[in-house]
Amino acid sequence: LYYSKLPDGIEKLQVLLCDPMLGTGGSALTAIEVLKKAGVKEENILFINVVSCPEGLKALANNAPDVRILTCALDSHLNEAKFIVPGVGDFGDRYYGTTGYAEGLWGTNGR
């Protein structure tokens, strides 16, 4: 975790936790722990994402069972490199354009 700044009184709020992908569950569980340490109850957290895989859903179910999850798609699994298969590629690279365009992975016009 690089940075955390939560509003005063967050322990009294319903929290929407958003992340584009749920792979291993590590990032989501770290964020959930930060919220719990700030007094937020698991049942007051809704984790929203675009694509999940069974491994990440199991990790959340085992370690944060009262967090509700809303996902748009369920892909089949994680590969050896811990990428969701078939997935959408590296979301950060696609969003920020740091890699993939020149290689022809996301398109050819660099946008």
Foldseek 3Di string as FASTA:
>chain_A
DPDDDDDPPLLVAQEEAEDAEQFQQVVVLVVVVVSVVVNHQQLSYEYEYEEYEPNRVVVCCVRRVNHHYHYNYYAYHADPVRAGVVHDPDPVCVVVVVDDQVVQNPHPPSD
